[in-house]
Amino acid sequence: MTADLSAEYGKKKREIRERLKDFKAVWDEPDRRLFSELCFCICTPQSKAIQCDKAISGLEKSGVLFKGRLREINTGLKAIRFHNNKARYIVGARKLFTKSGAIRIKDRIEPRDVQGTRLWLVRNVKGLGFKEASHFLRNIGLGKGLAILDVHILKNMVRYGVIKEAPGSLSRKGYLALEDKLRKFSKKINIPMDELDLLFWSSETGEVFK
């Protein structure tokens, strides 16, 4: 079965690597762009990524994401699930990362200690678990070696025998244990983990998105 996975990887490798280059370029953009990506990841739990991206893009273009009130952000998120909670999380994150009237999210990110940065994000940004924090770091070019254990990835981990069954929920210890299993699997089949993530995701959704 892994032979089929390797064959699919061969077909999609170029597209996947181009997408990862796009992510790496985000780090060089202004802090507001990174904050938008954080807000996208806050919105993704139990919601479709494309809808979340559309909603956040709209709030970003209008400026509401950076200056708008809770009610305005809530209105912009109507199309996604649990928009009331997620709007509150976004306002809380904006407050956390605002310094002297400007969003300064890069000050809180240490590219040389991605694991430590992820843990800080989980502990300090309401609405972010290990999955969402890993997703955010990947989407700004710092996700190499991190696993985004969403339903698509867990389903494929079962499919390829990495785990016996997908867990209903994950503690910090459980998340890190499964991440390590996926890391070992990626080495075994010689597909980098960040590329494997996009390969699994595209197999389920039909596209290499984010």
C-alpha atoms as a PDB file:
ATOM      1  CA  MET A   1       0.000   0.000   0.000  1.00  0.00           C
ATOM      2  CA  THR A   2       2.883   2.378   0.678  1.00  0.00           C
ATOM      3  CA  ALA A   3       3.912   1.825  -2.954  1.00  0.00           C
ATOM      4  CA  ASP A   4       0.655   3.511  -3.996  1.00  0.00           C
ATOM      5  CA  LEU A   5       1.400   6.374  -1.629  1.00  0.00           C
ATOM      6  CA  SER A   6       4.871   6.809  -3.105  1.00  0.00           C
ATOM      7  CA  ALA A   7       3.409   6.814  -6.614  1.00  0.00           C
ATOM      8  CA  GLU A   8       0.896   9.492  -5.658  1.00  0.00           C
ATOM      9  CA  TYR A   9       3.683  11.509  -4.057  1.00  0.00           C
ATOM     10  CA  GLY A  10       5.671  11.338  -7.277  1.00  0.00           C
ATOM     11  CA  LYS A  11       2.736  12.885  -9.151  1.00  0.00           C
ATOM     12  CA  LYS A  12       2.112  15.645  -6.618  1.00  0.00           C
ATOM     13  CA  LYS A  13       5.595  16.337  -5.302  1.00  0.00           C
ATOM     14  CA  ARG A  14       6.230  19.404  -7.420  1.00  0.00           C
ATOM     15  CA  GLU A  15       2.896  21.004  -6.532  1.00  0.00           C
ATOM     16  CA  ILE A  16       3.374  20.206  -2.834  1.00  0.00           C
ATOM     17  CA  ARG A  17       6.852  21.710  -2.752  1.00  0.00           C
ATOM     18  CA  GLU A  18       5.643  24.844  -4.496  1.00  0.00           C
ATOM     19  CA  ARG A  19       2.934  25.193  -1.867  1.00  0.00           C
ATOM     20  CA  LEU A  20       5.507  24.859   0.906  1.00  0.00           C
ATOM     21  CA  LYS A  21       7.559  27.607  -0.748  1.00  0.00           C
ATOM     22  CA  ASP A  22       4.471  29.801  -0.579  1.00  0.00           C
ATOM     23  CA  PHE A  23       4.239  29.133   3.146  1.00  0.00           C
ATOM     24  CA  LYS A  24       7.896  29.995   3.712  1.00  0.00           C
ATOM     25  CA  ALA A  25       7.407  33.322   1.930  1.00  0.00           C
ATOM     26  CA  VAL A  26       4.723  34.315   4.450  1.00  0.00           C
ATOM     27  CA  TRP A  27       7.353  34.728   7.168  1.00  0.00           C
ATOM     28  CA  ASP A  28       8.859  37.672   5.259  1.00  0.00           C
ATOM     29  CA  GLU A  29       5.525  39.463   5.024  1.00  0.00           C
ATOM     30  CA  PRO A  30       4.256  42.060   7.557  1.00  0.00           C
ATOM     31  CA  ASP A  31       3.061  40.940  10.995  1.00  0.00           C
ATOM     32  CA  ARG A  32      -0.537  41.563   9.994  1.00  0.00           C
ATOM     33  CA  ARG A  33      -0.272  38.855   7.348  1.00  0.00           C
ATOM     34  CA  LEU A  34       0.965  36.362   9.939  1.00  0.00           C
ATOM     35  CA  PHE A  35      -1.813  37.379  12.287  1.00  0.00           C
ATOM     36  CA  SER A  36      -4.355  36.703   9.543  1.00  0.00           C
ATOM     37  CA  GLU A  37      -2.926  33.223   9.168  1.00  0.00           C
ATOM     38  CA  LEU A  38      -3.236  32.696  12.916  1.00  0.00           C
ATOM     39  CA  CYS A  39      -6.881  33.746  12.756  1.00  0.00           C
ATOM     40  CA  PHE A  40      -7.475  31.319   9.885  1.00  0.00           C
ATOM     41  CA  CYS A  41      -6.106  28.482  12.033  1.00  0.00           C
ATOM     42  CA  ILE A  42      -8.253  29.559  14.992  1.00  0.00           C
ATOM     43  CA  CYS A  43     -11.289  29.201  12.736  1.00  0.00           C
ATOM     44  CA  THR A  44     -10.533  25.765  11.271  1.00  0.00           C
ATOM     45  CA  PRO A  45     -11.712  23.360  14.013  1.00  0.00           C
ATOM     46  CA  GLN A  46     -14.835  21.559  12.752  1.00  0.00           C
ATOM     47  CA  SER A  47     -15.070  23.967   9.813  1.00  0.00           C
ATOM     48  CA  LYS A  48     -14.051  23.720   6.168  1.00  0.00           C
ATOM     49  CA  ALA A  49     -10.677  25.314   5.487  1.00  0.00           C
ATOM     50  CA  ILE A  50     -11.835  27.011   2.277  1.00  0.00           C
ATOM     51  CA  GLN A  51     -14.734  28.703   4.073  1.00  0.00           C
ATOM     52  CA  CYS A  52     -12.420  29.821   6.873  1.00  0.00           C
ATOM     53  CA  ASP A  53      -9.939  31.240   4.391  1.00  0.00           C
ATOM     54  CA  LYS A  54     -12.690  33.137   2.580  1.00  0.00           C
ATOM     55  CA  ALA A  55     -14.052  34.576   5.828  1.00  0.00           C
ATOM     56  CA  ILE A  56     -10.660  35.685   7.152  1.00  0.00           C
ATOM     57  CA  SER A  57      -9.631  37.118   3.778  1.00  0.00           C
ATOM     58  CA  GLY A  58     -12.777  39.233   3.789  1.00  0.00           C
ATOM     59  CA  LEU A  59     -12.134  40.528   7.299  1.00  0.00           C
ATOM     60  CA  GLU A  60      -8.496  41.208   6.418  1.00  0.00           C
ATOM     61  CA  LYS A  61      -9.311  43.205   3.278  1.00  0.00           C
ATOM     62  CA  SER A  62     -11.923  45.301   5.065  1.00  0.00           C
ATOM     63  CA  GLY A  63      -9.581  45.982   7.981  1.00  0.00           C
ATOM     64  CA  VAL A  64     -12.132  44.636  10.461  1.00  0.00           C
ATOM     65  CA  LEU A  65      -9.769  41.845  11.460  1.00  0.00           C
ATOM     66  CA  PHE A  66      -7.292  44.386  12.822  1.00  0.00           C
ATOM     67  CA  LYS A  67      -9.506  47.198  14.082  1.00  0.00           C
ATOM     68  CA  GLY A  68     -13.089  45.931  14.118  1.00  0.00           C
ATOM     69  CA  ARG A  69     -15.218  45.236  17.152  1.00  0.00           C
ATOM     70  CA  LEU A  70     -16.229  41.777  18.295  1.00  0.00           C
ATOM     71  CA  ARG A  71     -19.676  42.160  16.722  1.00  0.00           C
ATOM     72  CA  GLU A  72     -18.173  43.011  13.325  1.00  0.00           C
ATOM     73  CA  ILE A  73     -15.771  40.069  13.405  1.00  0.00           C
ATOM     74  CA  ASN A  74     -18.604  37.787  14.483  1.00  0.00           C
ATOM     75  CA  THR A  75     -20.664  38.915  11.497  1.00  0.00           C
ATOM     76  CA  GLY A  76     -17.767  38.183   9.155  1.00  0.00           C
ATOM     77  CA  LEU A  77     -17.491  34.639  10.496  1.00  0.00           C
ATOM     78  CA  LYS A  78     -21.173  33.703  10.146  1.00  0.00           C
ATOM     79  CA  ALA A  79     -20.409  31.084   7.504  1.00  0.00           C
ATOM     80  CA  ILE A  80     -18.252  28.962   9.815  1.00  0.00           C
ATOM     81  CA  ARG A  81     -19.187  26.856  12.819  1.00  0.00           C
ATOM     82  CA  PHE A  82     -18.932  28.219  16.361  1.00  0.00           C
ATOM     83  CA  HIS A  83     -18.380  31.731  15.014  1.00  0.00           C
ATOM     84  CA  ASN A  84     -19.295  33.336  18.341  1.00  0.00           C
ATOM     85  CA  ASN A  85     -16.470  31.599  20.193  1.00  0.00           C
ATOM     86  CA  LYS A  86     -14.006  31.986  17.360  1.00  0.00           C
ATOM     87  CA  ALA A  87     -14.687  35.711  17.091  1.00  0.00           C
ATOM     88  CA  ARG A  88     -13.885  36.041  20.801  1.00  0.00           C
ATOM     89  CA  TYR A  89     -10.681  34.038  20.343  1.00  0.00           C
ATOM     90  CA  ILE A  90      -9.593  36.329  17.514  1.00  0.00           C
ATOM     91  CA  VAL A  91     -10.222  39.461  19.558  1.00  0.00           C
ATOM     92  CA  GLY A  92      -8.278  37.916  22.439  1.00  0.00           C
ATOM     93  CA  ALA A  93      -5.372  37.009  20.161  1.00  0.00           C
ATOM     94  CA  ARG A  94      -5.352  40.507  18.684  1.00  0.00           C
ATOM     95  CA  LYS A  95      -5.081  41.989  22.153  1.00  0.00           C
ATOM     96  CA  LEU A  96      -2.304  39.563  23.079  1.00  0.00           C
ATOM     97  CA  PHE A  97      -0.173  40.426  20.050  1.00  0.00           C
ATOM     98  CA  THR A  98      -0.810  44.174  19.946  1.00  0.00           C
ATOM     99  CA  LYS A  99       2.003  46.382  21.191  1.00  0.00           C
ATOM    100  CA  SER A 100       1.965  50.196  20.990  1.00  0.00           C
ATOM    101  CA  GLY A 101      -1.040  50.057  18.701  1.00  0.00           C
ATOM    102  CA  ALA A 102       0.487  47.616  16.202  1.00  0.00           C
ATOM    103  CA  ILE A 103       0.341  43.846  15.828  1.00  0.00           C
ATOM    104  CA  ARG A 104       3.748  42.386  16.680  1.00  0.00           C
ATOM    105  CA  ILE A 105       3.308  38.649  16.344  1.00  0.00           C
ATOM    106  CA  LYS A 106       6.846  37.901  15.127  1.00  0.00           C
ATOM    107  CA  ASP A 107       8.196  39.035  18.491  1.00  0.00           C
ATOM    108  CA  ARG A 108       6.548  35.973  20.029  1.00  0.00           C
ATOM    109  CA  ILE A 109       7.849  33.457  17.476  1.00  0.00           C
ATOM    110  CA  GLU A 110      11.281  31.871  17.702  1.00  0.00           C
ATOM    111  CA  PRO A 111      12.213  30.146  14.405  1.00  0.00           C
ATOM    112  CA  ARG A 112      15.124  28.372  16.113  1.00  0.00           C
ATOM    113  CA  ASP A 113      12.793  26.828  18.693  1.00  0.00           C
ATOM    114  CA  VAL A 114       9.646  25.834  16.870  1.00  0.00           C
ATOM    115  CA  GLN A 115       8.649  23.235  19.459  1.00  0.00           C
ATOM    116  CA  GLY A 116       8.933  25.801  22.231  1.00  0.00           C
ATOM    117  CA  THR A 117       7.026  28.361  20.182  1.00  0.00           C
ATOM    118  CA  ARG A 118       4.225  25.880  19.563  1.00  0.00           C
ATOM    119  CA  LEU A 119       3.931  25.147  23.268  1.00  0.00           C
ATOM    120  CA  TRP A 120       3.833  28.883  24.057  1.00  0.00           C
ATOM    121  CA  LEU A 121       1.069  29.393  21.501  1.00  0.00           C
ATOM    122  CA  VAL A 122      -1.003  26.556  22.939  1.00  0.00           C
ATOM    123  CA  ARG A 123      -0.632  27.903  26.462  1.00  0.00           C
ATOM    124  CA  ASN A 124      -1.287  31.560  25.628  1.00  0.00           C
ATOM    125  CA  VAL A 125      -3.628  31.793  22.639  1.00  0.00           C
ATOM    126  CA  LYS A 126      -7.157  30.733  23.502  1.00  0.00           C
ATOM    127  CA  GLY A 127      -8.637  28.635  20.710  1.00  0.00           C
ATOM    128  CA  LEU A 128      -5.331  27.043  19.710  1.00  0.00           C
ATOM    129  CA  GLY A 129      -4.543  23.434  20.484  1.00  0.00           C
ATOM    130  CA  PHE A 130      -1.490  21.534  19.262  1.00  0.00           C
ATOM    131  CA  LYS A 131      -3.156  20.859  15.923  1.00  0.00           C
ATOM    132  CA  GLU A 132      -4.016  24.511  15.261  1.00  0.00           C
ATOM    133  CA  ALA A 133      -0.658  25.804  16.524  1.00  0.00           C
ATOM    134  CA  SER A 134       1.149  23.307  14.280  1.00  0.00           C
ATOM    135  CA  HIS A 135      -1.052  24.357  11.376  1.00  0.00           C
ATOM    136  CA  PHE A 136      -0.216  28.023  11.934  1.00  0.00           C
ATOM    137  CA  LEU A 137       3.521  27.405  12.147  1.00  0.00           C
ATOM    138  CA  ARG A 138       3.412  25.299   8.972  1.00  0.00           C
ATOM    139  CA  ASN A 139       1.495  28.029   7.158  1.00  0.00           C
ATOM    140  CA  ILE A 140       4.193  30.610   7.955  1.00  0.00           C
ATOM    141  CA  GLY A 141       7.011  28.316   6.856  1.00  0.00           C
ATOM    142  CA  LEU A 142       8.058  26.949  10.249  1.00  0.00           C
ATOM    143  CA  GLY A 143       6.258  23.614  10.297  1.00  0.00           C
ATOM    144  CA  LYS A 144       8.985  21.234   9.234  1.00  0.00           C
ATOM    145  CA  GLY A 145       8.901  18.312  11.640  1.00  0.00           C
ATOM    146  CA  LEU A 146       5.471  19.185  13.038  1.00  0.00           C
ATOM    147  CA  ALA A 147       2.312  17.157  12.472  1.00  0.00           C
ATOM    148  CA  ILE A 148      -1.125  18.654  11.913  1.00  0.00           C
ATOM    149  CA  LEU A 149      -3.204  15.823  13.311  1.00  0.00           C
ATOM    150  CA  ASP A 150      -6.620  16.614  11.881  1.00  0.00           C
ATOM    151  CA  VAL A 151      -9.219  14.083  10.814  1.00  0.00           C
ATOM    152  CA  HIS A 152      -7.678  13.677   7.337  1.00  0.00           C
ATOM    153  CA  ILE A 153      -4.225  12.916   8.678  1.00  0.00           C
ATOM    154  CA  LEU A 154      -5.459  10.543  11.387  1.00  0.00           C
ATOM    155  CA  LYS A 155      -7.586   8.689   8.839  1.00  0.00           C
ATOM    156  CA  ASN A 156      -4.538   8.101   6.660  1.00  0.00           C
ATOM    157  CA  MET A 157      -2.401   7.112   9.647  1.00  0.00           C
ATOM    158  CA  VAL A 158      -4.916   4.324  10.251  1.00  0.00           C
ATOM    159  CA  ARG A 159      -5.048   3.468   6.548  1.00  0.00           C
ATOM    160  CA  TYR A 160      -1.290   2.973   6.327  1.00  0.00           C
ATOM    161  CA  GLY A 161      -0.964   1.128   9.613  1.00  0.00           C
ATOM    162  CA  VAL A 162       0.771   3.877  11.556  1.00  0.00           C
ATOM    163  CA  ILE A 163      -1.931   3.606  14.250  1.00  0.00           C
ATOM    164  CA  LYS A 164      -4.735   1.099  14.805  1.00  0.00           C
ATOM    165  CA  GLU A 165      -7.532   3.606  15.237  1.00  0.00           C
ATOM    166  CA  ALA A 166      -8.034   7.344  15.340  1.00  0.00           C
ATOM    167  CA  PRO A 167      -8.458   8.725  18.871  1.00  0.00           C
ATOM    168  CA  GLY A 168     -11.552  10.696  19.796  1.00  0.00           C
ATOM    169  CA  SER A 169      -9.468  13.339  21.529  1.00  0.00           C
ATOM    170  CA  LEU A 170      -5.793  14.002  22.155  1.00  0.00           C
ATOM    171  CA  SER A 171      -3.952  15.195  25.243  1.00  0.00           C
ATOM    172  CA  ARG A 172      -0.591  16.916  24.880  1.00  0.00           C
ATOM    173  CA  LYS A 173       1.163  13.617  25.617  1.00  0.00           C
ATOM    174  CA  GLY A 174      -1.042  11.748  23.159  1.00  0.00           C
ATOM    175  CA  TYR A 175      -0.530  14.323  20.426  1.00  0.00           C
ATOM    176  CA  LEU A 176       3.247  14.229  20.750  1.00  0.00           C
ATOM    177  CA  ALA A 177       3.231  10.419  20.768  1.00  0.00           C
ATOM    178  CA  LEU A 178       1.259  10.262  17.511  1.00  0.00           C
ATOM    179  CA  GLU A 179       3.400  12.987  16.010  1.00  0.00           C
ATOM    180  CA  ASP A 180       6.466  10.869  16.734  1.00  0.00           C
ATOM    181  CA  LYS A 181       4.836   7.846  15.091  1.00  0.00           C
ATOM    182  CA  LEU A 182       4.120   9.887  11.975  1.00  0.00           C
ATOM    183  CA  ARG A 183       7.667  11.258  11.979  1.00  0.00           C
ATOM    184  CA  LYS A 184       9.077   7.711  12.001  1.00  0.00           C
ATOM    185  CA  PHE A 185       6.698   6.663   9.232  1.00  0.00           C
ATOM    186  CA  SER A 186       7.740   9.609   7.068  1.00  0.00           C
ATOM    187  CA  LYS A 187      11.383   8.627   7.440  1.00  0.00           C
ATOM    188  CA  LYS A 188      10.568   5.019   6.618  1.00  0.00           C
ATOM    189  CA  ILE A 189       8.868   5.917   3.332  1.00  0.00           C
ATOM    190  CA  ASN A 190      11.288   8.789   2.598  1.00  0.00           C
ATOM    191  CA  ILE A 191       8.661  11.534   2.355  1.00  0.00           C
ATOM    192  CA  PRO A 192       9.328  14.644   4.530  1.00  0.00           C
ATOM    193  CA  MET A 193       6.609  15.063   7.143  1.00  0.00           C
ATOM    194  CA  ASP A 194       5.434  18.487   5.951  1.00  0.00           C
ATOM    195  CA  GLU A 195       5.102  17.093   2.425  1.00  0.00           C
ATOM    196  CA  LEU A 196       3.382  13.966   3.726  1.00  0.00           C
ATOM    197  CA  ASP A 197       0.818  16.131   5.497  1.00  0.00           C
ATOM    198  CA  LEU A 198      -0.150  17.905   2.269  1.00  0.00           C
ATOM    199  CA  LEU A 199      -0.137  14.608   0.398  1.00  0.00           C
ATOM    200  CA  PHE A 200      -2.583  13.053   2.869  1.00  0.00           C
ATOM    201  CA  TRP A 201      -4.721  16.190   2.896  1.00  0.00           C
ATOM    202  CA  SER A 202      -4.917  16.367  -0.891  1.00  0.00           C
ATOM    203  CA  SER A 203      -5.806  12.679  -1.077  1.00  0.00           C
ATOM    204  CA  GLU A 204      -8.874  13.370   1.044  1.00  0.00           C
ATOM    205  CA  THR A 205      -9.923  16.757  -0.320  1.00  0.00           C
ATOM    206  CA  GLY A 206      -8.713  16.584  -3.906  1.00  0.00           C
ATOM    207  CA  GLU A 207      -6.470  19.663  -3.690  1.00  0.00           C
ATOM    208  CA  VAL A 208      -3.252  20.963  -2.160  1.00  0.00           C
ATOM    209  CA  PHE A 209      -4.591  23.834  -0.092  1.00  0.00           C
ATOM    210  CA  LYS A 210      -3.366  24.851   3.361  1.00  0.00           C
END
